[in-house]
C-alpha atoms as a PDB file:
ATOM      1  CA  MET A   1       2.516  18.488  -7.873  1.00  0.00           C
ATOM      2  CA  GLN A   2       5.063  16.696  -9.642  1.00  0.00           C
ATOM      3  CA  LEU A   3       8.736  16.731  -8.567  1.00  0.00           C
ATOM      4  CA  THR A   4      11.545  15.058  -9.642  1.00  0.00           C
ATOM      5  CA  ILE A   5      14.844  14.381  -8.497  1.00  0.00           C
ATOM      6  CA  PRO A   6      17.949  14.149 -10.654  1.00  0.00           C
ATOM      7  CA  GLN A   7      19.138  10.369 -11.020  1.00  0.00           C
ATOM      8  CA  PRO A   8      22.327   9.319  -8.433  1.00  0.00           C
ATOM      9  CA  ALA A   9      25.239   7.385  -9.875  1.00  0.00           C
ATOM     10  CA  ALA A  10      24.594   3.589 -10.278  1.00  0.00           C
ATOM     11  CA  ALA A  11      24.372   0.995  -6.996  1.00  0.00           C
ATOM     12  CA  THR A  12      27.754  -0.680  -6.846  1.00  0.00           C
ATOM     13  CA  ARG A  13      25.851  -4.062  -5.479  1.00  0.00           C
ATOM     14  CA  GLU A  14      23.743  -6.122  -7.049  1.00  0.00           C
ATOM     15  CA  ARG A  15      20.435  -6.304  -5.656  1.00  0.00           C
ATOM     16  CA  SER A  16      16.936  -8.020  -5.808  1.00  0.00           C
ATOM     17  CA  LEU A  17      14.749  -5.474  -7.754  1.00  0.00           C
ATOM     18  CA  ALA A  18      17.779  -3.769  -9.838  1.00  0.00           C
ATOM     19  CA  GLY A  19      16.479  -2.084 -12.556  1.00  0.00           C
ATOM     20  CA  ARG A  20      12.747  -2.085 -11.787  1.00  0.00           C
ATOM     21  CA  THR A  21      10.727   0.346 -11.537  1.00  0.00           C
ATOM     22  CA  ALA A  22       8.214   0.302  -8.317  1.00  0.00           C
ATOM     23  CA  LEU A  23       5.074   2.894  -7.757  1.00  0.00           C
ATOM     24  CA  VAL A  24       4.098   2.882  -4.410  1.00  0.00           C
ATOM     25  CA  THR A  25       0.283   4.629  -3.683  1.00  0.00           C
ATOM     26  CA  GLY A  26       0.486   6.416  -0.356  1.00  0.00           C
ATOM     27  CA  SER A  27       4.211   6.322   0.564  1.00  0.00           C
ATOM     28  CA  THR A  28       4.918   9.858   2.151  1.00  0.00           C
ATOM     29  CA  SER A  29       4.030   7.828   5.407  1.00  0.00           C
ATOM     30  CA  GLY A  30       3.137   5.092   7.308  1.00  0.00           C
ATOM     31  CA  ILE A  31       2.996   1.466   5.737  1.00  0.00           C
ATOM     32  CA  GLY A  32       3.821   2.773   2.443  1.00  0.00           C
ATOM     33  CA  LEU A  33       7.200   4.413   3.710  1.00  0.00           C
ATOM     34  CA  GLY A  34       8.212   1.539   5.035  1.00  0.00           C
ATOM     35  CA  ILE A  35       7.459  -0.570   1.471  1.00  0.00           C
ATOM     36  CA  ALA A  36       9.408   2.355  -0.208  1.00  0.00           C
ATOM     37  CA  GLU A  37      12.069   1.705   1.908  1.00  0.00           C
ATOM     38  CA  ALA A  38      12.846  -1.651   1.394  1.00  0.00           C
ATOM     39  CA  LEU A  39      12.150  -1.384  -2.085  1.00  0.00           C
ATOM     40  CA  ALA A  40      14.987   1.379  -2.375  1.00  0.00           C
ATOM     41  CA  GLU A  41      17.172  -0.931  -0.725  1.00  0.00           C
ATOM     42  CA  GLN A  42      16.519  -3.932  -3.132  1.00  0.00           C
ATOM     43  CA  GLY A  43      17.525  -0.897  -5.886  1.00  0.00           C
ATOM     44  CA  ALA A  44      13.775  -0.290  -7.037  1.00  0.00           C
ATOM     45  CA  GLN A  45      13.787   3.076  -8.345  1.00  0.00           C
ATOM     46  CA  LEU A  46      10.580   4.770  -6.881  1.00  0.00           C
ATOM     47  CA  LEU A  47       7.260   6.847  -7.911  1.00  0.00           C
ATOM     48  CA  LEU A  48       6.095   8.166  -4.407  1.00  0.00           C
ATOM     49  CA  ASN A  49       2.579   9.018  -4.016  1.00  0.00           C
ATOM     50  CA  GLY A  50       1.016  10.810  -1.331  1.00  0.00           C
ATOM     51  CA  PHE A  51      -0.443  14.149   0.870  1.00  0.00           C
ATOM     52  CA  GLY A  52       2.073  15.785   3.394  1.00  0.00           C
ATOM     53  CA  ASP A  53       3.958  18.595   3.772  1.00  0.00           C
ATOM     54  CA  ALA A  54       5.798  19.659   0.658  1.00  0.00           C
ATOM     55  CA  GLU A  55       9.219  20.134   2.384  1.00  0.00           C
ATOM     56  CA  SER A  56       9.110  17.077   4.682  1.00  0.00           C
ATOM     57  CA  ILE A  57       7.689  14.942   1.229  1.00  0.00           C
ATOM     58  CA  MET A  58      10.971  16.749  -0.323  1.00  0.00           C
ATOM     59  CA  ARG A  59      13.430  15.536   2.138  1.00  0.00           C
ATOM     60  CA  THR A  60      11.900  11.959   2.259  1.00  0.00           C
ATOM     61  CA  ARG A  61      12.332  12.070  -1.412  1.00  0.00           C
ATOM     62  CA  ASP A  62      16.211  13.305  -1.469  1.00  0.00           C
ATOM     63  CA  ARG A  63      16.785  10.878   1.145  1.00  0.00           C
ATOM     64  CA  LEU A  64      15.784   7.749  -0.339  1.00  0.00           C
ATOM     65  CA  ALA A  65      17.878   8.286  -3.454  1.00  0.00           C
ATOM     66  CA  MET A  66      21.014   9.113  -1.890  1.00  0.00           C
ATOM     67  CA  GLU A  67      20.842   6.284   1.349  1.00  0.00           C
ATOM     68  CA  HIS A  68      19.639   3.754  -1.594  1.00  0.00           C
ATOM     69  CA  ASN A  69      21.021   4.693  -4.600  1.00  0.00           C
ATOM     70  CA  VAL A  70      18.210   5.308  -6.823  1.00  0.00           C
ATOM     71  CA  GLU A  71      16.056   7.811  -8.723  1.00  0.00           C
ATOM     72  CA  VAL A  72      13.117   8.774  -7.175  1.00  0.00           C
ATOM     73  CA  ALA A  73       9.853  10.836  -8.096  1.00  0.00           C
ATOM     74  CA  TYR A  74       6.611  11.914  -6.423  1.00  0.00           C
ATOM     75  CA  SER A  75       3.521  12.856  -7.557  1.00  0.00           C
ATOM     76  CA  GLY A  76       1.005  13.752  -5.510  1.00  0.00           C
ATOM     77  CA  ALA A  77      -2.305  12.541  -7.244  1.00  0.00           C
ATOM     78  CA  ASP A  78      -5.502  12.778  -5.251  1.00  0.00           C
ATOM     79  CA  LEU A  79      -6.685   9.120  -5.730  1.00  0.00           C
ATOM     80  CA  SER A  80     -10.175   9.773  -5.460  1.00  0.00           C
ATOM     81  CA  CYS A  81      -9.968  11.167  -8.756  1.00  0.00           C
ATOM     82  CA  PRO A  82      -9.571   8.552 -12.109  1.00  0.00           C
ATOM     83  CA  GLU A  83      -8.152  11.294 -13.927  1.00  0.00           C
ATOM     84  CA  ALA A  84      -5.332  12.129 -11.530  1.00  0.00           C
ATOM     85  CA  ILE A  85      -4.529   8.571 -11.242  1.00  0.00           C
ATOM     86  CA  ALA A  86      -4.085   8.149 -15.334  1.00  0.00           C
ATOM     87  CA  GLU A  87      -1.737  11.366 -15.179  1.00  0.00           C
ATOM     88  CA  MET A  88       0.340   9.772 -12.812  1.00  0.00           C
ATOM     89  CA  MET A  89       0.640   6.735 -14.173  1.00  0.00           C
ATOM     90  CA  ALA A  90       0.901   7.927 -17.718  1.00  0.00           C
ATOM     91  CA  TYR A  91       3.956  10.637 -15.751  1.00  0.00           C
ATOM     92  CA  ALA A  92       5.443   7.225 -14.233  1.00  0.00           C
ATOM     93  CA  ARG A  93       6.175   5.844 -17.402  1.00  0.00           C
ATOM     94  CA  ASP A  94       7.612   9.001 -18.469  1.00  0.00           C
ATOM     95  CA  VAL A  95       9.817  10.014 -16.275  1.00  0.00           C
ATOM     96  CA  LEU A  96      11.228   6.631 -14.494  1.00  0.00           C
ATOM     97  CA  GLY A  97       9.638   3.813 -17.160  1.00  0.00           C
ATOM     98  CA  PRO A  98       7.356   1.350 -17.806  1.00  0.00           C
ATOM     99  CA  VAL A  99       6.645  -0.069 -14.224  1.00  0.00           C
ATOM    100  CA  ASP A 100       7.643  -3.143 -12.818  1.00  0.00           C
ATOM    101  CA  ILE A 101       5.916  -3.211  -9.574  1.00  0.00           C
ATOM    102  CA  LEU A 102       3.433  -1.842  -8.865  1.00  0.00           C
ATOM    103  CA  VAL A 103       1.987  -1.636  -5.043  1.00  0.00           C
ATOM    104  CA  ASN A 104      -1.866  -0.354  -4.036  1.00  0.00           C
ATOM    105  CA  ASN A 105      -1.022   0.935  -0.423  1.00  0.00           C
ATOM    106  CA  ALA A 106      -3.164   3.966  -0.534  1.00  0.00           C
ATOM    107  CA  GLY A 107      -6.109   3.839   2.212  1.00  0.00           C
ATOM    108  CA  ILE A 108      -8.091   5.945   5.056  1.00  0.00           C
ATOM    109  CA  GLN A 109     -10.477   5.108   7.322  1.00  0.00           C
ATOM    110  CA  HIS A 110     -13.174   6.535   9.664  1.00  0.00           C
ATOM    111  CA  VAL A 111     -15.200   4.875  12.635  1.00  0.00           C
ATOM    112  CA  ALA A 112     -18.623   4.899  12.943  1.00  0.00           C
ATOM    113  CA  PRO A 113     -22.047   3.242  13.555  1.00  0.00           C
ATOM    114  CA  ILE A 114     -23.246   1.988  10.142  1.00  0.00           C
ATOM    115  CA  ALA A 115     -26.589   4.619  10.554  1.00  0.00           C
ATOM    116  CA  ASP A 116     -24.323   7.222  11.466  1.00  0.00           C
ATOM    117  CA  PHE A 117     -22.132   6.405   8.927  1.00  0.00           C
ATOM    118  CA  PRO A 118     -21.686   9.859   6.317  1.00  0.00           C
ATOM    119  CA  THR A 119     -22.074   8.790   3.149  1.00  0.00           C
ATOM    120  CA  ALA A 120     -19.435  11.122   1.871  1.00  0.00           C
ATOM    121  CA  LYS A 121     -17.284   9.356   4.168  1.00  0.00           C
ATOM    122  CA  TRP A 122     -18.539   5.531   2.455  1.00  0.00           C
ATOM    123  CA  ASP A 123     -17.893   7.261  -0.909  1.00  0.00           C
ATOM    124  CA  ALA A 124     -14.490   8.866  -0.712  1.00  0.00           C
ATOM    125  CA  ILE A 125     -13.228   4.966   1.165  1.00  0.00           C
ATOM    126  CA  LEU A 126     -14.417   3.239  -1.411  1.00  0.00           C
ATOM    127  CA  ALA A 127     -12.757   5.371  -3.980  1.00  0.00           C
ATOM    128  CA  ILE A 128      -9.368   6.098  -2.511  1.00  0.00           C
ATOM    129  CA  ASN A 129      -9.209   1.944  -0.269  1.00  0.00           C
ATOM    130  CA  LEU A 130     -10.045   0.213  -3.464  1.00  0.00           C
ATOM    131  CA  SER A 131     -11.177   1.632  -6.938  1.00  0.00           C
ATOM    132  CA  SER A 132      -7.796   3.270  -6.803  1.00  0.00           C
ATOM    133  CA  ALA A 133      -6.333   0.442  -7.061  1.00  0.00           C
ATOM    134  CA  PHE A 134      -8.543  -0.813 -10.114  1.00  0.00           C
ATOM    135  CA  HIS A 135      -7.306   2.291 -12.056  1.00  0.00           C
ATOM    136  CA  THR A 136      -3.904   1.796 -11.388  1.00  0.00           C
ATOM    137  CA  ILE A 137      -3.780  -2.117 -12.336  1.00  0.00           C
ATOM    138  CA  ARG A 138      -5.776  -1.350 -15.252  1.00  0.00           C
ATOM    139  CA  ALA A 139      -3.152   1.169 -16.663  1.00  0.00           C
ATOM    140  CA  VAL A 140      -0.010  -1.209 -16.118  1.00  0.00           C
ATOM    141  CA  LEU A 141      -1.408  -4.602 -16.782  1.00  0.00           C
ATOM    142  CA  PRO A 142      -1.427  -5.012 -19.827  1.00  0.00           C
ATOM    143  CA  GLU A 143       1.896  -3.483 -20.783  1.00  0.00           C
ATOM    144  CA  MET A 144       3.038  -5.786 -17.610  1.00  0.00           C
ATOM    145  CA  VAL A 145       1.869  -9.058 -19.458  1.00  0.00           C
ATOM    146  CA  GLU A 146       3.428  -7.792 -22.576  1.00  0.00           C
ATOM    147  CA  ARG A 147       6.511  -7.539 -20.952  1.00  0.00           C
ATOM    148  CA  GLY A 148       6.196 -10.601 -19.106  1.00  0.00           C
ATOM    149  CA  PHE A 149       6.835  -9.521 -16.103  1.00  0.00           C
ATOM    150  CA  GLY A 150       4.709  -7.537 -13.095  1.00  0.00           C
ATOM    151  CA  ARG A 151       4.200  -7.691  -9.527  1.00  0.00           C
ATOM    152  CA  ILE A 152       1.089  -5.761  -7.819  1.00  0.00           C
ATOM    153  CA  VAL A 153       1.000  -6.172  -4.254  1.00  0.00           C
ATOM    154  CA  ASN A 154      -2.522  -4.528  -3.184  1.00  0.00           C
ATOM    155  CA  VAL A 155      -2.313  -3.494   0.669  1.00  0.00           C
ATOM    156  CA  ALA A 156      -5.082  -5.211   1.911  1.00  0.00           C
ATOM    157  CA  SER A 157      -6.308  -5.728   5.629  1.00  0.00           C
ATOM    158  CA  ALA A 158      -7.403  -8.213   8.355  1.00  0.00           C
ATOM    159  CA  HIS A 159     -10.594  -6.856   7.567  1.00  0.00           C
ATOM    160  CA  GLY A 160     -10.206  -7.648   4.264  1.00  0.00           C
ATOM    161  CA  LEU A 161     -10.687 -11.508   5.705  1.00  0.00           C
ATOM    162  CA  VAL A 162     -12.477 -10.482   8.811  1.00  0.00           C
ATOM    163  CA  ALA A 163     -14.666  -7.980   9.777  1.00  0.00           C
ATOM    164  CA  SER A 164     -15.363  -5.180  12.799  1.00  0.00           C
ATOM    165  CA  PRO A 165     -17.984  -3.231  14.226  1.00  0.00           C
ATOM    166  CA  PHE A 166     -18.319   0.371  13.517  1.00  0.00           C
ATOM    167  CA  LYS A 167     -16.124  -0.014   9.965  1.00  0.00           C
ATOM    168  CA  CYS A 168     -18.573  -0.519   7.494  1.00  0.00           C
ATOM    169  CA  ALA A 169     -16.974   1.383   3.931  1.00  0.00           C
ATOM    170  CA  TYR A 170     -13.065   0.080   5.509  1.00  0.00           C
ATOM    171  CA  VAL A 171     -14.065  -3.410   5.924  1.00  0.00           C
ATOM    172  CA  ALA A 172     -16.050  -3.517   2.565  1.00  0.00           C
ATOM    173  CA  ALA A 173     -13.420  -1.785   0.305  1.00  0.00           C
ATOM    174  CA  LYS A 174     -10.760  -4.077   2.069  1.00  0.00           C
ATOM    175  CA  HIS A 175     -12.779  -7.250   0.971  1.00  0.00           C
ATOM    176  CA  GLY A 176     -13.593  -5.708  -2.229  1.00  0.00           C
ATOM    177  CA  VAL A 177      -8.996  -5.214  -2.493  1.00  0.00           C
ATOM    178  CA  VAL A 178      -8.933  -9.028  -1.321  1.00  0.00           C
ATOM    179  CA  GLY A 179     -11.197 -10.088  -4.300  1.00  0.00           C
ATOM    180  CA  LEU A 180      -9.843  -7.813  -7.015  1.00  0.00           C
ATOM    181  CA  THR A 181      -6.369  -9.429  -6.108  1.00  0.00           C
ATOM    182  CA  LYS A 182      -7.473 -13.044  -6.709  1.00  0.00           C
ATOM    183  CA  THR A 183      -9.367 -11.474  -9.842  1.00  0.00           C
ATOM    184  CA  VAL A 184      -6.190 -10.262 -11.343  1.00  0.00           C
ATOM    185  CA  ALA A 185      -3.697 -13.237 -10.454  1.00  0.00           C
ATOM    186  CA  LEU A 186      -6.749 -15.295 -12.256  1.00  0.00           C
ATOM    187  CA  GLU A 187      -6.213 -13.632 -15.603  1.00  0.00           C
ATOM    188  CA  ALA A 188      -2.377 -12.786 -15.732  1.00  0.00           C
ATOM    189  CA  ALA A 189      -1.927 -16.420 -14.222  1.00  0.00           C
ATOM    190  CA  VAL A 190       0.486 -17.273 -17.068  1.00  0.00           C
ATOM    191  CA  SER A 191       2.259 -14.760 -18.031  1.00  0.00           C
ATOM    192  CA  GLY A 192       4.760 -13.729 -15.844  1.00  0.00           C
ATOM    193  CA  VAL A 193       3.167 -11.568 -13.568  1.00  0.00           C
ATOM    194  CA  THR A 194       1.696 -12.019 -10.014  1.00  0.00           C
ATOM    195  CA  CYS A 195      -0.703 -10.298  -7.748  1.00  0.00           C
ATOM    196  CA  ASN A 196      -0.815 -10.853  -4.181  1.00  0.00           C
ATOM    197  CA  ALA A 197      -2.685  -8.866  -1.032  1.00  0.00           C
ATOM    198  CA  ILE A 198      -0.504  -8.429   2.931  1.00  0.00           C
ATOM    199  CA  CYS A 199      -3.687  -8.396   5.130  1.00  0.00           C
ATOM    200  CA  PRO A 200      -1.831  -6.614   7.933  1.00  0.00           C
ATOM    201  CA  GLY A 201      -3.230  -6.505  11.553  1.00  0.00           C
ATOM    202  CA  TYR A 202      -2.339  -3.427  13.363  1.00  0.00           C
ATOM    203  CA  VAL A 203       0.105  -1.550  12.468  1.00  0.00           C
ATOM    204  CA  TYR A 204       1.533   1.540  14.441  1.00  0.00           C
ATOM    205  CA  THR A 205       1.047   4.270  12.110  1.00  0.00           C
ATOM    206  CA  PRO A 206      -0.364   8.214  11.753  1.00  0.00           C
ATOM    207  CA  LEU A 207      -3.827   6.256  10.936  1.00  0.00           C
ATOM    208  CA  VAL A 208      -3.625   3.776  13.604  1.00  0.00           C
ATOM    209  CA  GLU A 209      -2.883   6.866  15.911  1.00  0.00           C
ATOM    210  CA  LYS A 210      -6.032   8.494  14.120  1.00  0.00           C
ATOM    211  CA  GLN A 211      -8.302   5.208  14.511  1.00  0.00           C
ATOM    212  CA  ILE A 212      -7.362   4.934  18.639  1.00  0.00           C
ATOM    213  CA  GLU A 213      -8.858   8.338  19.619  1.00  0.00           C
ATOM    214  CA  GLU A 214     -12.036   7.754  17.134  1.00  0.00           C
ATOM    215  CA  GLN A 215     -13.024   4.441  18.972  1.00  0.00           C
ATOM    216  CA  ALA A 216     -11.781   6.198  22.101  1.00  0.00           C
ATOM    217  CA  ARG A 217     -14.884   8.306  21.206  1.00  0.00           C
ATOM    218  CA  ALA A 218     -17.006   6.223  19.773  1.00  0.00           C
ATOM    219  CA  HIS A 219     -16.918   3.770  22.791  1.00  0.00           C
ATOM    220  CA  ASN A 220     -16.559   6.353  25.866  1.00  0.00           C
ATOM    221  CA  ILE A 221     -12.508   4.680  26.581  1.00  0.00           C
ATOM    222  CA  PRO A 222      -9.163   6.007  27.731  1.00  0.00           C
ATOM    223  CA  PRO A 223      -7.179   5.513  24.552  1.00  0.00           C
ATOM    224  CA  GLU A 224      -4.793   2.935  26.468  1.00  0.00           C
ATOM    225  CA  ARG A 225      -8.238   0.935  26.856  1.00  0.00           C
ATOM    226  CA  VAL A 226      -8.777   1.094  22.957  1.00  0.00           C
ATOM    227  CA  VAL A 227      -5.346  -0.544  22.682  1.00  0.00           C
ATOM    228  CA  SER A 228      -5.548  -3.186  25.021  1.00  0.00           C
ATOM    229  CA  ASP A 229      -9.373  -4.092  24.766  1.00  0.00           C
ATOM    230  CA  ILE A 230     -10.094  -3.210  20.977  1.00  0.00           C
ATOM    231  CA  LEU A 231      -7.591  -2.905  19.052  1.00  0.00           C
ATOM    232  CA  LEU A 232      -4.499  -5.472  20.517  1.00  0.00           C
ATOM    233  CA  GLN A 233      -7.161  -7.608  21.999  1.00  0.00           C
ATOM    234  CA  SER A 234      -7.843  -9.416  17.836  1.00  0.00           C
ATOM    235  CA  GLN A 235      -3.677  -9.820  18.020  1.00  0.00           C
ATOM    236  CA  PRO A 236      -3.091 -13.155  19.406  1.00  0.00           C
ATOM    237  CA  ASN A 237       0.581 -11.741  19.740  1.00  0.00           C
ATOM    238  CA  LYS A 238       0.031  -8.856  21.747  1.00  0.00           C
ATOM    239  CA  ARG A 239       1.511  -6.517  19.798  1.00  0.00           C
ATOM    240  CA  PHE A 240       1.800  -3.918  16.522  1.00  0.00           C
ATOM    241  CA  ALA A 241       3.382  -4.944  13.403  1.00  0.00           C
ATOM    242  CA  THR A 242       6.347  -3.009  12.004  1.00  0.00           C
ATOM    243  CA  VAL A 243       6.272  -1.088   8.844  1.00  0.00           C
ATOM    244  CA  GLU A 244       9.913  -2.562   8.326  1.00  0.00           C
ATOM    245  CA  GLU A 245       7.615  -6.211   8.482  1.00  0.00           C
ATOM    246  CA  ILE A 246       5.068  -5.342   5.797  1.00  0.00           C
ATOM    247  CA  GLY A 247       7.816  -3.742   3.478  1.00  0.00           C
ATOM    248  CA  ALA A 248      10.541  -6.700   3.876  1.00  0.00           C
ATOM    249  CA  LEU A 249       7.517  -9.057   2.552  1.00  0.00           C
ATOM    250  CA  THR A 250       6.367  -6.614  -0.032  1.00  0.00           C
ATOM    251  CA  ALA A 251      10.070  -7.040  -1.125  1.00  0.00           C
ATOM    252  CA  PHE A 252      10.502 -10.331  -1.090  1.00  0.00           C
ATOM    253  CA  LEU A 253       7.268 -10.781  -3.003  1.00  0.00           C
ATOM    254  CA  ALA A 254       8.267  -8.055  -5.521  1.00  0.00           C
ATOM    255  CA  GLY A 255      11.763 -10.008  -5.686  1.00  0.00           C
ATOM    256  CA  PRO A 256      12.425 -13.234  -7.947  1.00  0.00           C
ATOM    257  CA  GLY A 257      11.843 -15.863  -4.477  1.00  0.00           C
ATOM    258  CA  GLY A 258       7.887 -14.587  -5.622  1.00  0.00           C
ATOM    259  CA  ALA A 259       6.955 -15.553  -8.956  1.00  0.00           C
ATOM    260  CA  SER A 260       5.242 -18.648  -7.655  1.00  0.00           C
ATOM    261  CA  ILE A 261       2.782 -16.716  -5.190  1.00  0.00           C
ATOM    262  CA  THR A 262       0.135 -14.833  -7.008  1.00  0.00           C
ATOM    263  CA  GLY A 263      -3.605 -14.787  -5.699  1.00  0.00           C
ATOM    264  CA  ALA A 264      -2.630 -15.045  -1.552  1.00  0.00           C
ATOM    265  CA  ALA A 265      -3.803 -13.137   0.930  1.00  0.00           C
ATOM    266  CA  LEU A 266      -1.338 -12.710   3.466  1.00  0.00           C
ATOM    267  CA  ALA A 267      -1.756 -11.770   6.788  1.00  0.00           C
ATOM    268  CA  VAL A 268       0.469 -10.688   9.102  1.00  0.00           C
ATOM    269  CA  ASP A 269      -1.513 -10.102  12.042  1.00  0.00           C
ATOM    270  CA  GLY A 270       0.070 -12.164  15.092  1.00  0.00           C
ATOM    271  CA  GLY A 271      -2.820 -14.549  14.705  1.00  0.00           C
ATOM    272  CA  TRP A 272      -5.604 -12.639  14.761  1.00  0.00           C
ATOM    273  CA  THR A 273      -7.520 -14.437  11.460  1.00  0.00           C
ATOM    274  CA  ALA A 274      -6.228 -17.511  13.127  1.00  0.00           C
ATOM    275  CA  HIS A 275      -9.253 -17.341  15.448  1.00  0.00           C
END
């Protein structure tokens, strides 16, 4: 399903991303929506992507457009399918123009011991969490290089820097995202295109809520102990990061201040990976 909304009146104040087009995958909820909100606040027009209730997504799209005075479109492309990704990238170009800011945020999770880990889950997590980023970057990078400007932000994870038990596919995929980020940064280093990875620790989102339930079953402990003894045990500041914090960092990387930051894996993890 692909939906658009008419472009609202032009913004009346100068914003750092005014005139830029941003595509954010997995942006109908959670971290992705927080990132989309931050980019729209700075004037970027948006292509949202993700699954969910159609009416709720349309309300979100309309709200972002009206509150931030930007054009917002939506694609429900299935990021496990390369053909659907190609169609989404072409749709973004047709509706909003060339993509200036690409944020690869879409992700899924499954928690299980490796001996019991379903192969279908492994394939799905690698496809959505890692391969989709390759396909979107491949589609936009040549145009960005030709124009001499582009910002690619890949939402990895603290699990792109360190490992945890029971998350073999997620950890493998996020390590791959960090490696992909560095490679793209090096290839595009003199072109005006930057590529960085944000590596959040635990951010309280619907995905983390699901992880809490899965970890509770896997360890046979109450959900509150999952939070205190497993999730936030790794974060020295003992608090979840917020979607607003991730959004603010993404907007900074996409703006003028991020021009010399490339190839970085930026931890937003309360000190987790400082151990």
